Amino acid sequence: MHRFFATRLVDNQFYLENADLHQIKNVLRLKNNAQIICIYQQHHYLATITYLNNQQLVITKISELGQNHDPQVKITLVAGLIRSHKWDLMLQKVTELGVSQIVPFEFKRCVVHLANENNASKIKRWEKICKEASEQSYRNSIPTIANISNNLTTLQSYLSDVNIVCYENENFVNSLSTVLTQDYHSITVIVGPEGGFDPGEIKELQAMGYQSVSLGPRILRAETAPIFLLSAIIYEKEL
C-alpha cells in the first residue's frame, strides 16, 4: 500500500504536499475510494481518497495502525561532504537504516566545499531524498538535515550518550564492537570525507568527547562507511 507523509490533519482530513497529490492522481492513478497510508507526527494511519468533481482530492482518516518502524536508538550522523552522486546514495541508505539526524560538515580535507554558500536548494533536494527513502522503508519519521557547517565547535551541540569518530589509525584505542554494545539511547557518529581527517581535527573532536574507533582492516569509501556503521548499530540494538 502506498505511503505518504502528511503535512496536516484537520477534522479527520489529511493534507499532503502538492507533489504527493500529483503522484496519487497523475502517476499512480489511484481510483476513487482507494486506500493509502498517511504518516503524521510519527504515526501511521489508514486513509481513503475521494475525488470531488474528478479533480479535488480529499484524503480521510480511517484508523490508526499502531506501527512503529523507527529504531529505538536516536542516531545522529555527522558526515563529511562528498561528491553529489555518492552523497545522494549515502543519504538514501542511511535513511533506510534509521538515521535520525544528518549533519553535513565541511572538514579541512573535503573535496567538496559548500559551507559558505547559500545551500537552501541543496538541502531541500536532500530532504526530498530522505522523505522518499522514509516512505519506501516504512519509517515513522523523516531524518532532519542540519545546515552545512565548517566550524568544529558546532559539533559539541550534537553530543549524545555515546559519541564516536571513525579514524583509521594503528594507534586507535577503542573497539567498535565494545562501544556499540554499551547501554545507550542516543549515539552520534562522525565519518570523514574522501580525503579523510586532518589529525588536528581528530584531537579537537577527542577533546570534545568523541571516541576514535576503527572500522576494521579495510579502508572503506566515504559513502560506504556510514552505511556500514549504521548497519552495525542497528544489528546491535535491534537484531
Foldseek 3Di string as FASTA:
>chain_A
DFEFEFPDADPQWTHHDPVVVCCCCPPVNDDAQDWHWYFYPLWIFIWGWHDDVNPDIIIGTDGTDPDADAFQAAEEEEAEDEDDVLVLVLLLLVLLLHHAEYEYEHAPQYPDDDQPDPCPVVLVVSQVSQRVSCRVNVHNDGHYYDHYHHDLVVCLVVAFPAAAEEADDPPADDELVVRLLDDGRYYYYYAYAQRGHDVVSVVVVVVSPHGYYYPDDDDDHSSVVSSVSSVVNCVNRPD
